[in-house]
Protein backbone atom coordinates (compact mmCIF):
# COMPACT_ATOMS: atom_id res chain seq x y z
CA MET A 1 18.82 -1.12 -33.02
CA ASN A 2 15.25 -2.25 -33.68
CA LEU A 3 12.87 -3.89 -31.22
CA ALA A 4 9.61 -5.69 -31.91
CA LEU A 5 6.72 -4.81 -29.58
CA GLU A 6 4.13 -7.31 -28.41
CA THR A 7 1.34 -7.29 -25.87
CA ALA A 8 0.63 -10.32 -23.73
CA ALA A 9 -1.90 -11.01 -21.00
CA ARG A 10 0.27 -13.77 -19.55
CA PRO A 11 3.89 -13.53 -20.68
CA ALA A 12 6.26 -16.35 -19.84
CA LEU A 13 7.76 -16.36 -16.35
CA ALA A 14 11.24 -15.83 -17.84
CA ASP A 15 9.99 -12.73 -19.67
CA ARG A 16 8.42 -11.29 -16.51
CA LYS A 17 11.62 -11.98 -14.59
CA ALA A 18 13.72 -10.26 -17.29
CA VAL A 19 11.67 -7.07 -16.92
CA GLY A 20 11.78 -7.31 -13.11
CA ARG A 21 15.57 -7.82 -13.06
CA GLY A 22 16.08 -4.90 -15.44
CA LEU A 23 13.94 -2.54 -13.39
CA ALA A 24 15.53 -3.71 -10.12
CA ALA A 25 19.03 -3.09 -11.53
CA HIS A 26 18.06 0.43 -12.60
CA ASN A 27 16.50 1.19 -9.21
CA ARG A 28 19.52 -0.18 -7.31
CA ALA A 29 21.83 2.02 -9.37
CA ALA A 30 19.74 5.07 -8.44
CA TYR A 31 18.86 4.36 -4.78
CA GLY A 32 20.55 1.22 -3.56
CA ARG A 33 19.00 -2.11 -2.75
CA LEU A 34 15.24 -2.15 -2.32
CA ARG A 35 14.42 -3.67 1.05
CA GLY A 36 10.99 -4.95 0.25
CA GLU A 37 9.14 -6.81 2.99
CA GLU A 38 5.49 -7.79 3.20
CA HIS A 39 3.78 -7.45 6.58
CA TRP A 40 0.21 -8.07 7.72
CA VAL A 41 -1.87 -6.73 10.61
CA LEU A 42 -4.92 -8.92 11.30
CA ALA A 43 -8.02 -8.43 13.45
CA ARG A 44 -9.60 -11.72 14.60
CA ASP A 45 -12.84 -12.41 16.41
CA ALA A 46 -13.11 -14.72 19.46
CA ALA A 47 -13.40 -17.75 17.15
CA GLY A 48 -10.17 -16.80 15.37
CA ALA A 49 -11.83 -15.71 12.11
CA VAL A 50 -10.26 -12.73 10.38
CA GLN A 51 -12.65 -9.77 10.51
CA GLY A 52 -10.22 -7.14 9.29
CA GLY A 53 -6.68 -6.61 8.19
CA ALA A 54 -4.01 -4.55 6.51
CA ARG A 55 -1.47 -5.79 3.98
CA CYS A 56 1.63 -3.60 4.03
CA ASP A 57 4.92 -3.43 2.16
CA ILE A 58 8.04 -1.79 3.53
CA ALA A 59 10.49 -0.49 0.94
CA TRP A 60 13.02 2.34 0.77
CA GLY A 61 12.17 3.60 4.22
CA TRP A 62 8.40 3.87 3.67
CA LEU A 63 5.48 1.62 4.51
CA TYR A 64 2.83 1.19 1.81
CA VAL A 65 -0.64 0.18 3.01
CA ASP A 66 -1.75 -1.94 0.08
CA TRP A 67 -5.03 -3.22 1.57
CA LEU A 68 -7.04 -2.18 4.60
CA TRP A 69 -10.40 -3.86 5.23
CA VAL A 70 -12.85 -4.28 8.11
CA ALA A 71 -15.83 -6.66 7.91
CA GLU A 72 -19.18 -4.89 7.74
CA PRO A 73 -20.39 -5.81 11.29
CA PHE A 74 -17.25 -4.23 12.80
CA ARG A 75 -17.20 -0.97 10.81
CA GLY A 76 -17.72 2.29 12.66
CA GLN A 77 -16.22 0.85 15.87
CA GLY A 78 -12.66 2.11 15.44
CA TRP A 79 -11.17 -1.08 14.02
CA GLY A 80 -9.95 0.65 10.86
CA SER A 81 -8.17 3.25 13.00
CA ARG A 82 -6.62 0.50 15.14
CA LEU A 83 -5.41 -1.42 12.09
CA LEU A 84 -3.91 1.72 10.57
CA ALA A 85 -2.27 2.70 13.88
CA ALA A 86 -0.75 -0.80 14.11
CA ALA A 87 0.58 -0.44 10.55
CA GLU A 88 2.09 2.94 11.46
CA ALA A 89 3.67 1.38 14.57
CA LEU A 90 5.15 -1.30 12.33
CA ALA A 91 6.54 1.45 10.11
CA ARG A 92 8.15 3.18 13.10
CA GLU A 93 9.61 -0.12 14.36
CA ASN A 94 11.24 -0.54 10.95
CA GLY A 95 12.62 3.01 10.87
CA CYS A 96 10.27 4.25 8.14
CA SER A 97 9.95 7.96 7.40
CA GLY A 98 6.27 7.64 6.62
CA THR A 99 3.40 5.68 5.16
CA HIS A 100 1.51 5.98 1.90
CA LEU A 101 -1.56 4.41 0.31
CA ASN A 102 -4.26 4.86 -2.29
CA THR A 103 -8.03 4.66 -2.07
CA TRP A 104 -11.06 5.50 -4.18
CA SER A 105 -13.84 8.03 -3.65
CA PHE A 106 -16.26 5.12 -3.01
CA GLN A 107 -13.99 3.75 -0.29
CA ALA A 108 -12.51 5.85 2.51
CA PRO A 109 -10.70 9.08 1.57
CA ASP A 110 -12.24 11.00 4.49
CA PHE A 111 -11.20 8.24 6.91
CA TYR A 112 -7.55 8.65 5.88
CA ARG A 113 -7.75 12.45 6.13
CA LYS A 114 -9.06 12.06 9.71
CA GLN A 115 -6.04 9.84 10.45
CA GLY A 116 -3.65 12.63 9.43
CA TYR A 117 -2.97 11.55 5.85
CA VAL A 118 -2.41 14.25 3.24
CA GLU A 119 -3.63 13.90 -0.32
CA VAL A 120 -0.66 13.88 -2.69
CA GLY A 121 -2.44 13.06 -5.93
CA GLN A 122 -5.62 12.00 -7.67
CA VAL A 123 -6.94 10.75 -10.97
CA ILE A 124 -10.51 11.67 -11.87
CA ASP A 125 -12.69 9.06 -13.61
CA MET A 126 -10.59 6.09 -12.47
CA PRO A 127 -12.90 4.13 -12.70
CA PRO A 128 -15.44 6.26 -14.59
CA GLY A 129 -17.45 8.37 -12.16
CA ALA A 130 -14.98 7.86 -9.30
CA ILE A 131 -11.70 9.41 -8.13
CA ARG A 132 -8.56 7.50 -7.15
CA TYR A 133 -6.63 9.27 -4.39
CA TRP A 134 -3.06 8.86 -3.16
CA PHE A 135 -2.24 9.80 0.42
CA ALA A 136 0.95 10.03 2.48
CA LYS A 137 1.77 10.64 6.11
CA ARG A 138 5.17 11.55 7.55
CA LEU A 139 5.86 9.78 10.83
CA MET A 140 7.43 11.38 13.83
CA PRO A 141 9.80 9.17 15.86
CA ALA A 142 8.03 7.28 18.65
């Protein structure tokens, strides 16, 4: 059977859904239903403005920290540690085995190491001159 390949910056929604459904069916056959849930941890100032936050996804018994950010005036005051600890607490509340994330050499790899994360992979020159790191941390029951 022959297929025709194409590249597209913005394929039709139906085409994107076809790929998503196919991948989801394969993954379900291998590991059961993916329980994907998005969660946020936010840090607000007295006026209610967001000054930091973490966007997390819970799937297959692990919490993925997709974004973690603290506004410049609040850095170095422990807010990143508090946000990450809150994300880990969320993972425990949801019965997760651990957490994982990625960061770049120009961001915060040493911060994650100090928080008990272990490097599980890296790609050098992604982007050129930098390193992209992947970290994971197994969680002990609370």
